[in-house]
Amino acid sequence: MRVSDILKVKGNALFTVTPETPLAEAVDAMAAHDIGSLVVMEYGDLVGMLTFREIIVTLRDNGGSVGTTSIRRIMDDHPLTCTPETDVNEVRRMMLEHHVRYLPVMEKRELMGVISFYDVAKAVVEEQGFENRMLKAYIRDWPEEEKEPHAAR
């Protein structure tokens, strides 16, 4: 299974912000759309990623307030990315190894979507369920072995 398979099921809704977007505005957008990340784009290029992790650190550092800071000051400015052709097992390894929950999906310089750890887990569970159903159907339809005639005594 490839990342493109996940994006087909997930759909193509993209939520982006610019580095100069106030953090408070980004938090409002994330809450309104029930999402855990925003892709930061500038002049058509991916320049960062904002996730709830950066927001929580900011809240801690500012005594529980997001203040007037812009996204540029807190975003991850070197986000890990994948392509639509990346294998889902490779994505799982990348996410676990780098401790990331969201990956922008890039094709050359174009943002194709974002996949989350949840999206990957859901796809893997669904794929395993499909394989289990296919194996059970195969076993159910297994031809019976012909019985050998008993030798006369």
N, C-alpha and C. Protein backbone atom coordinates (compact mmCIF):
# COMPACT_ATOMS: atom_id res chain seq x y z
N MET A 1 0.84 -1.17 0.00
CA MET A 1 0.00 0.00 0.00
C MET A 1 0.90 1.25 0.00
N ARG A 2 0.46 2.23 -0.73
CA ARG A 2 1.22 3.47 -0.87
C ARG A 2 0.44 4.64 -0.24
N VAL A 3 1.15 5.74 -0.03
CA VAL A 3 0.54 6.94 0.54
C VAL A 3 -0.61 7.42 -0.34
N SER A 4 -0.46 7.29 -1.65
CA SER A 4 -1.53 7.72 -2.56
C SER A 4 -2.84 6.99 -2.28
N ASP A 5 -2.76 5.73 -1.85
CA ASP A 5 -3.97 4.97 -1.51
C ASP A 5 -4.67 5.58 -0.30
N ILE A 6 -3.90 6.04 0.67
CA ILE A 6 -4.48 6.68 1.85
C ILE A 6 -5.14 8.00 1.46
N LEU A 7 -4.47 8.77 0.62
CA LEU A 7 -5.02 10.07 0.21
C LEU A 7 -6.31 9.91 -0.57
N LYS A 8 -6.44 8.84 -1.37
CA LYS A 8 -7.67 8.60 -2.13
C LYS A 8 -8.85 8.44 -1.18
N VAL A 9 -8.64 7.71 -0.09
CA VAL A 9 -9.71 7.46 0.88
C VAL A 9 -9.96 8.69 1.74
N LYS A 10 -8.90 9.32 2.14
CA LYS A 10 -8.98 10.46 3.05
C LYS A 10 -9.60 11.69 2.41
N GLY A 11 -9.37 11.88 1.13
CA GLY A 11 -9.83 13.10 0.48
C GLY A 11 -8.70 14.10 0.37
N ASN A 12 -9.00 15.25 -0.19
CA ASN A 12 -7.92 16.20 -0.48
C ASN A 12 -8.10 17.55 0.21
N ALA A 13 -8.74 17.59 1.35
CA ALA A 13 -8.86 18.84 2.09
C ALA A 13 -7.49 19.22 2.64
N LEU A 14 -7.05 20.43 2.33
CA LEU A 14 -5.76 20.91 2.79
C LEU A 14 -5.96 22.19 3.60
N PHE A 15 -5.29 22.26 4.73
CA PHE A 15 -5.35 23.44 5.57
C PHE A 15 -3.94 23.99 5.70
N THR A 16 -3.76 25.19 5.17
CA THR A 16 -2.44 25.80 5.19
C THR A 16 -2.52 27.19 5.82
N VAL A 17 -1.37 27.65 6.27
CA VAL A 17 -1.22 29.00 6.80
C VAL A 17 0.10 29.55 6.29
N THR A 18 0.31 30.83 6.52
CA THR A 18 1.60 31.44 6.19
C THR A 18 2.40 31.58 7.47
N PRO A 19 3.70 31.78 7.36
CA PRO A 19 4.51 31.93 8.57
C PRO A 19 4.10 33.15 9.41
N GLU A 20 3.50 34.15 8.77
CA GLU A 20 3.13 35.37 9.50
C GLU A 20 1.75 35.28 10.14
N THR A 21 1.03 34.18 9.95
CA THR A 21 -0.27 34.01 10.58
C THR A 21 -0.10 34.03 12.09
N PRO A 22 -0.93 34.80 12.80
CA PRO A 22 -0.86 34.78 14.27
C PRO A 22 -1.21 33.39 14.80
N LEU A 23 -0.50 32.96 15.82
CA LEU A 23 -0.73 31.64 16.39
C LEU A 23 -2.16 31.48 16.86
N ALA A 24 -2.74 32.51 17.44
CA ALA A 24 -4.12 32.43 17.93
C ALA A 24 -5.08 32.10 16.79
N GLU A 25 -4.85 32.66 15.62
CA GLU A 25 -5.68 32.38 14.45
C GLU A 25 -5.52 30.92 14.01
N ALA A 26 -4.29 30.42 14.06
CA ALA A 26 -4.03 29.03 13.69
C ALA A 26 -4.72 28.07 14.67
N VAL A 27 -4.67 28.39 15.95
CA VAL A 27 -5.33 27.56 16.97
C VAL A 27 -6.83 27.52 16.70
N ASP A 28 -7.42 28.67 16.38
CA ASP A 28 -8.85 28.73 16.06
C ASP A 28 -9.18 27.84 14.85
N ALA A 29 -8.34 27.90 13.82
CA ALA A 29 -8.58 27.09 12.62
C ALA A 29 -8.46 25.60 12.93
N MET A 30 -7.47 25.23 13.72
CA MET A 30 -7.29 23.83 14.07
C MET A 30 -8.48 23.31 14.87
N ALA A 31 -8.97 24.11 15.79
CA ALA A 31 -10.13 23.71 16.60
C ALA A 31 -11.39 23.63 15.73
N ALA A 32 -11.58 24.60 14.86
CA ALA A 32 -12.78 24.64 14.02
C ALA A 32 -12.84 23.45 13.06
N HIS A 33 -11.70 23.01 12.57
CA HIS A 33 -11.67 21.92 11.59
C HIS A 33 -11.30 20.58 12.22
N ASP A 34 -11.10 20.55 13.54
CA ASP A 34 -10.75 19.33 14.26
C ASP A 34 -9.53 18.65 13.63
N ILE A 35 -8.46 19.43 13.48
CA ILE A 35 -7.23 18.92 12.91
C ILE A 35 -6.08 19.16 13.87
N GLY A 36 -5.03 18.37 13.75
CA GLY A 36 -3.90 18.47 14.66
C GLY A 36 -2.67 19.12 14.06
N SER A 37 -2.79 19.58 12.80
CA SER A 37 -1.63 20.20 12.17
C SER A 37 -2.07 21.16 11.08
N LEU A 38 -1.17 22.08 10.78
CA LEU A 38 -1.33 22.99 9.65
C LEU A 38 -0.01 23.02 8.88
N VAL A 39 -0.11 23.00 7.58
CA VAL A 39 1.07 23.11 6.74
C VAL A 39 1.35 24.59 6.54
N VAL A 40 2.60 24.96 6.71
CA VAL A 40 3.00 26.36 6.57
C VAL A 40 3.61 26.55 5.18
N MET A 41 2.97 27.40 4.39
CA MET A 41 3.39 27.64 3.02
C MET A 41 3.75 29.11 2.85
N GLU A 42 4.78 29.37 2.03
CA GLU A 42 5.17 30.74 1.72
C GLU A 42 5.58 30.80 0.26
N TYR A 43 4.93 31.66 -0.49
CA TYR A 43 5.21 31.81 -1.93
C TYR A 43 5.11 30.48 -2.66
N GLY A 44 4.15 29.66 -2.26
CA GLY A 44 3.93 28.37 -2.92
C GLY A 44 4.84 27.25 -2.49
N ASP A 45 5.73 27.50 -1.54
CA ASP A 45 6.65 26.47 -1.06
C ASP A 45 6.34 26.06 0.37
N LEU A 46 6.56 24.80 0.65
CA LEU A 46 6.45 24.29 2.02
C LEU A 46 7.62 24.85 2.83
N VAL A 47 7.31 25.57 3.91
CA VAL A 47 8.39 26.12 4.74
C VAL A 47 8.31 25.65 6.19
N GLY A 48 7.23 24.94 6.54
CA GLY A 48 7.14 24.48 7.91
C GLY A 48 5.87 23.71 8.19
N MET A 49 5.79 23.25 9.43
CA MET A 49 4.64 22.50 9.90
C MET A 49 4.33 22.98 11.32
N LEU A 50 3.06 23.17 11.58
CA LEU A 50 2.62 23.54 12.92
C LEU A 50 1.73 22.42 13.43
N THR A 51 2.09 21.86 14.58
CA THR A 51 1.27 20.81 15.19
C THR A 51 0.95 21.21 16.62
N PHE A 52 0.08 20.42 17.23
CA PHE A 52 -0.27 20.73 18.62
C PHE A 52 0.94 20.65 19.53
N ARG A 53 1.98 19.92 19.13
CA ARG A 53 3.20 19.83 19.94
C ARG A 53 3.84 21.21 20.12
N GLU A 54 3.99 21.96 19.03
CA GLU A 54 4.58 23.30 19.11
C GLU A 54 3.67 24.24 19.90
N ILE A 55 2.38 24.07 19.76
CA ILE A 55 1.44 24.92 20.49
C ILE A 55 1.52 24.66 21.98
N ILE A 56 1.61 23.41 22.37
CA ILE A 56 1.71 23.07 23.80
C ILE A 56 2.98 23.65 24.41
N VAL A 57 4.09 23.55 23.71
CA VAL A 57 5.34 24.12 24.21
C VAL A 57 5.20 25.64 24.38
N THR A 58 4.56 26.28 23.41
CA THR A 58 4.35 27.73 23.49
C THR A 58 3.46 28.08 24.68
N LEU A 59 2.41 27.31 24.88
CA LEU A 59 1.53 27.55 26.04
C LEU A 59 2.30 27.42 27.34
N ARG A 60 3.13 26.40 27.43
CA ARG A 60 3.95 26.22 28.64
C ARG A 60 4.89 27.40 28.86
N ASP A 61 5.56 27.80 27.78
CA ASP A 61 6.54 28.88 27.88
C ASP A 61 5.91 30.24 28.17
N ASN A 62 4.64 30.41 27.78
CA ASN A 62 3.95 31.70 27.96
C ASN A 62 2.92 31.68 29.08
N GLY A 63 3.06 30.78 30.00
CA GLY A 63 2.13 30.74 31.12
C GLY A 63 0.69 30.48 30.72
N GLY A 64 0.47 29.67 29.69
CA GLY A 64 -0.88 29.28 29.29
C GLY A 64 -1.50 30.17 28.23
N SER A 65 -0.75 31.07 27.65
CA SER A 65 -1.27 31.98 26.62
C SER A 65 -0.48 31.80 25.33
N VAL A 66 -1.19 31.91 24.18
CA VAL A 66 -0.47 31.86 22.91
C VAL A 66 0.11 33.22 22.57
N GLY A 67 -0.37 34.25 23.24
CA GLY A 67 0.16 35.59 23.03
C GLY A 67 -0.07 36.09 21.62
N THR A 68 0.83 36.92 21.14
CA THR A 68 0.70 37.52 19.81
C THR A 68 1.75 36.98 18.85
N THR A 69 2.36 35.89 19.21
CA THR A 69 3.44 35.34 18.38
C THR A 69 2.91 34.86 17.03
N SER A 70 3.78 34.88 16.04
CA SER A 70 3.44 34.35 14.72
C SER A 70 3.89 32.90 14.64
N ILE A 71 3.36 32.22 13.67
CA ILE A 71 3.70 30.81 13.47
C ILE A 71 5.18 30.64 13.17
N ARG A 72 5.77 31.60 12.46
CA ARG A 72 7.18 31.50 12.09
C ARG A 72 8.07 31.26 13.31
N ARG A 73 7.73 31.84 14.43
CA ARG A 73 8.59 31.74 15.62
C ARG A 73 8.56 30.36 16.25
N ILE A 74 7.51 29.56 16.01
CA ILE A 74 7.40 28.28 16.72
C ILE A 74 7.30 27.06 15.80
N MET A 75 7.08 27.27 14.51
CA MET A 75 6.86 26.13 13.60
C MET A 75 8.10 25.26 13.48
N ASP A 76 7.87 24.02 13.07
CA ASP A 76 8.97 23.13 12.70
C ASP A 76 9.36 23.54 11.28
N ASP A 77 10.54 24.14 11.13
CA ASP A 77 10.90 24.66 9.82
C ASP A 77 11.67 23.66 8.94
N HIS A 78 11.76 22.43 9.39
CA HIS A 78 12.34 21.35 8.57
C HIS A 78 11.48 20.10 8.71
N PRO A 79 10.21 20.18 8.28
CA PRO A 79 9.35 19.01 8.47
C PRO A 79 9.75 17.84 7.58
N LEU A 80 9.59 16.67 8.12
CA LEU A 80 9.78 15.43 7.39
C LEU A 80 8.63 15.32 6.39
N THR A 81 8.91 14.88 5.18
CA THR A 81 7.87 14.72 4.16
C THR A 81 7.94 13.34 3.53
N CYS A 82 6.92 13.02 2.78
CA CYS A 82 6.92 11.79 1.97
C CYS A 82 6.30 12.13 0.63
N THR A 83 6.27 11.15 -0.26
CA THR A 83 5.66 11.33 -1.58
C THR A 83 4.44 10.42 -1.69
N PRO A 84 3.61 10.62 -2.69
CA PRO A 84 2.47 9.72 -2.88
C PRO A 84 2.90 8.27 -3.11
N GLU A 85 4.12 8.07 -3.62
CA GLU A 85 4.60 6.72 -3.92
C GLU A 85 5.30 6.04 -2.74
N THR A 86 5.46 6.75 -1.63
CA THR A 86 6.12 6.15 -0.47
C THR A 86 5.26 5.01 0.06
N ASP A 87 5.90 3.89 0.36
CA ASP A 87 5.21 2.73 0.91
C ASP A 87 4.77 3.03 2.35
N VAL A 88 3.60 2.56 2.71
CA VAL A 88 3.04 2.83 4.04
C VAL A 88 3.95 2.27 5.14
N ASN A 89 4.59 1.14 4.90
CA ASN A 89 5.50 0.61 5.92
C ASN A 89 6.70 1.54 6.15
N GLU A 90 7.16 2.19 5.09
CA GLU A 90 8.23 3.17 5.21
C GLU A 90 7.73 4.39 5.99
N VAL A 91 6.50 4.81 5.74
CA VAL A 91 5.92 5.94 6.48
C VAL A 91 5.82 5.60 7.97
N ARG A 92 5.40 4.40 8.27
CA ARG A 92 5.31 3.98 9.68
C ARG A 92 6.68 4.05 10.34
N ARG A 93 7.70 3.56 9.65
CA ARG A 93 9.05 3.59 10.19
C ARG A 93 9.51 5.03 10.40
N MET A 94 9.27 5.88 9.42
CA MET A 94 9.67 7.30 9.52
C MET A 94 8.98 7.98 10.70
N MET A 95 7.69 7.76 10.83
CA MET A 95 6.94 8.41 11.91
C MET A 95 7.43 7.95 13.28
N LEU A 96 7.66 6.67 13.42
CA LEU A 96 8.14 6.15 14.70
C LEU A 96 9.56 6.59 14.99
N GLU A 97 10.43 6.50 14.00
CA GLU A 97 11.83 6.85 14.19
C GLU A 97 12.04 8.33 14.51
N HIS A 98 11.25 9.19 13.88
CA HIS A 98 11.41 10.63 14.05
C HIS A 98 10.38 11.24 15.00
N HIS A 99 9.52 10.39 15.56
CA HIS A 99 8.51 10.82 16.53
C HIS A 99 7.64 11.94 15.98
N VAL A 100 7.10 11.72 14.77
CA VAL A 100 6.19 12.70 14.16
C VAL A 100 4.84 12.05 13.93
N ARG A 101 3.81 12.86 14.04
CA ARG A 101 2.44 12.36 13.87
C ARG A 101 1.80 12.80 12.56
N TYR A 102 2.44 13.76 11.88
CA TYR A 102 1.89 14.31 10.63
C TYR A 102 2.99 14.45 9.60
N LEU A 103 2.69 14.02 8.38
CA LEU A 103 3.66 14.14 7.28
C LEU A 103 3.01 14.83 6.09
N PRO A 104 3.56 15.95 5.66
CA PRO A 104 3.10 16.52 4.40
C PRO A 104 3.49 15.57 3.26
N VAL A 105 2.59 15.44 2.31
CA VAL A 105 2.85 14.59 1.14
C VAL A 105 3.15 15.53 -0.02
N MET A 106 4.37 15.42 -0.53
CA MET A 106 4.84 16.31 -1.59
C MET A 106 5.12 15.53 -2.86
N GLU A 107 4.69 16.10 -3.99
CA GLU A 107 5.08 15.56 -5.29
C GLU A 107 5.85 16.68 -5.99
N LYS A 108 7.15 16.47 -6.06
CA LYS A 108 8.08 17.53 -6.46
C LYS A 108 7.91 18.67 -5.46
N ARG A 109 7.43 19.83 -5.88
CA ARG A 109 7.27 20.94 -4.93
C ARG A 109 5.80 21.21 -4.60
N GLU A 110 4.91 20.33 -5.06
CA GLU A 110 3.47 20.53 -4.86
C GLU A 110 2.97 19.73 -3.66
N LEU A 111 2.23 20.42 -2.78
CA LEU A 111 1.63 19.79 -1.62
C LEU A 111 0.41 18.99 -2.07
N MET A 112 0.43 17.68 -1.82
CA MET A 112 -0.66 16.80 -2.23
C MET A 112 -1.63 16.50 -1.10
N GLY A 113 -1.16 16.67 0.14
CA GLY A 113 -1.99 16.37 1.30
C GLY A 113 -1.13 16.21 2.53
N VAL A 114 -1.77 15.81 3.60
CA VAL A 114 -1.09 15.51 4.86
C VAL A 114 -1.64 14.20 5.37
N ILE A 115 -0.76 13.30 5.78
CA ILE A 115 -1.25 12.08 6.41
C ILE A 115 -0.81 12.07 7.87
N SER A 116 -1.68 11.53 8.68
CA SER A 116 -1.42 11.48 10.12
C SER A 116 -1.14 10.04 10.54
N PHE A 117 -0.62 9.92 11.73
CA PHE A 117 -0.38 8.60 12.30
C PHE A 117 -1.70 7.82 12.33
N TYR A 118 -2.79 8.51 12.65
CA TYR A 118 -4.12 7.89 12.65
C TYR A 118 -4.48 7.35 11.26
N ASP A 119 -4.24 8.17 10.22
CA ASP A 119 -4.55 7.73 8.85
C ASP A 119 -3.80 6.45 8.49
N VAL A 120 -2.53 6.41 8.89
CA VAL A 120 -1.69 5.24 8.59
C VAL A 120 -2.20 4.02 9.35
N ALA A 121 -2.48 4.20 10.64
CA ALA A 121 -2.97 3.08 11.46
C ALA A 121 -4.29 2.55 10.91
N LYS A 122 -5.19 3.45 10.55
CA LYS A 122 -6.49 3.04 10.00
C LYS A 122 -6.31 2.26 8.70
N ALA A 123 -5.43 2.73 7.82
CA ALA A 123 -5.20 2.05 6.55
C ALA A 123 -4.62 0.66 6.77
N VAL A 124 -3.69 0.53 7.70
CA VAL A 124 -3.07 -0.76 7.98
C VAL A 124 -4.12 -1.73 8.54
N VAL A 125 -4.93 -1.28 9.47
CA VAL A 125 -5.98 -2.14 10.05
C VAL A 125 -6.96 -2.57 8.97
N GLU A 126 -7.37 -1.64 8.10
CA GLU A 126 -8.31 -2.00 7.03
C GLU A 126 -7.68 -2.98 6.05
N GLU A 127 -6.40 -2.79 5.73
CA GLU A 127 -5.72 -3.71 4.83
C GLU A 127 -5.62 -5.10 5.45
N GLN A 128 -5.30 -5.17 6.73
CA GLN A 128 -5.21 -6.46 7.42
C GLN A 128 -6.58 -7.13 7.47
N GLY A 129 -7.63 -6.34 7.70
CA GLY A 129 -8.98 -6.90 7.72
C GLY A 129 -9.35 -7.49 6.37
N PHE A 130 -9.00 -6.78 5.29
CA PHE A 130 -9.27 -7.28 3.94
C PHE A 130 -8.51 -8.59 3.70
N GLU A 131 -7.24 -8.62 4.08
CA GLU A 131 -6.44 -9.83 3.89
C GLU A 131 -7.02 -10.98 4.69
N ASN A 132 -7.46 -10.71 5.92
CA ASN A 132 -8.07 -11.76 6.74
C ASN A 132 -9.33 -12.31 6.09
N ARG A 133 -10.18 -11.42 5.56
CA ARG A 133 -11.41 -11.87 4.89
C ARG A 133 -11.08 -12.71 3.67
N MET A 134 -10.06 -12.31 2.91
CA MET A 134 -9.67 -13.07 1.72
C MET A 134 -9.15 -14.46 2.10
N LEU A 135 -8.33 -14.52 3.15
CA LEU A 135 -7.80 -15.81 3.60
C LEU A 135 -8.92 -16.72 4.10
N LYS A 136 -9.86 -16.16 4.84
CA LYS A 136 -10.98 -16.96 5.35
C LYS A 136 -11.83 -17.47 4.20
N ALA A 137 -12.07 -16.64 3.19
CA ALA A 137 -12.84 -17.09 2.04
C ALA A 137 -12.09 -18.18 1.28
N TYR A 138 -10.78 -18.03 1.17
CA TYR A 138 -9.96 -19.03 0.50
C TYR A 138 -10.03 -20.35 1.25
N ILE A 139 -9.90 -20.30 2.57
CA ILE A 139 -9.96 -21.52 3.39
C ILE A 139 -11.34 -22.16 3.30
N ARG A 140 -12.38 -21.36 3.34
CA ARG A 140 -13.75 -21.87 3.27
C ARG A 140 -13.98 -22.61 1.94
N ASP A 141 -13.38 -22.12 0.87
CA ASP A 141 -13.57 -22.72 -0.45
C ASP A 141 -12.51 -23.77 -0.79
N TRP A 142 -11.70 -24.15 0.19
CA TRP A 142 -10.63 -25.11 -0.03
C TRP A 142 -11.24 -26.42 -0.51
N PRO A 143 -10.74 -26.97 -1.60
CA PRO A 143 -11.31 -28.24 -2.09
C PRO A 143 -11.00 -29.38 -1.12
N GLU A 144 -11.98 -30.22 -0.94
CA GLU A 144 -11.75 -31.36 -0.05
C GLU A 144 -10.81 -32.34 -0.74
N GLU A 145 -9.98 -32.96 0.07
CA GLU A 145 -9.06 -33.94 -0.48
C GLU A 145 -9.84 -35.21 -0.79
N GLU A 146 -9.47 -35.82 -1.89
CA GLU A 146 -10.11 -37.08 -2.22
C GLU A 146 -9.59 -38.15 -1.28
N LYS A 147 -10.52 -38.95 -0.79
CA LYS A 147 -10.14 -40.01 0.14
C LYS A 147 -9.64 -41.19 -0.68
N GLU A 148 -8.54 -41.74 -0.21
CA GLU A 148 -7.99 -42.90 -0.88
C GLU A 148 -8.78 -44.13 -0.46
N PRO A 149 -9.04 -45.00 -1.40
CA PRO A 149 -9.76 -46.23 -1.02
C PRO A 149 -8.91 -47.06 -0.08
N HIS A 150 -9.59 -47.67 0.89
CA HIS A 150 -8.85 -48.51 1.85
C HIS A 150 -8.42 -49.80 1.17
N ALA A 151 -7.28 -50.24 1.49
CA ALA A 151 -6.77 -51.50 0.92
C ALA A 151 -7.57 -52.65 1.52
N ALA A 152 -7.88 -53.63 0.70
CA ALA A 152 -8.62 -54.79 1.18
C ALA A 152 -7.71 -55.64 2.04
N ARG A 153 -8.27 -56.21 3.11
CA ARG A 153 -7.45 -57.05 3.97
C ARG A 153 -7.73 -58.46 3.76
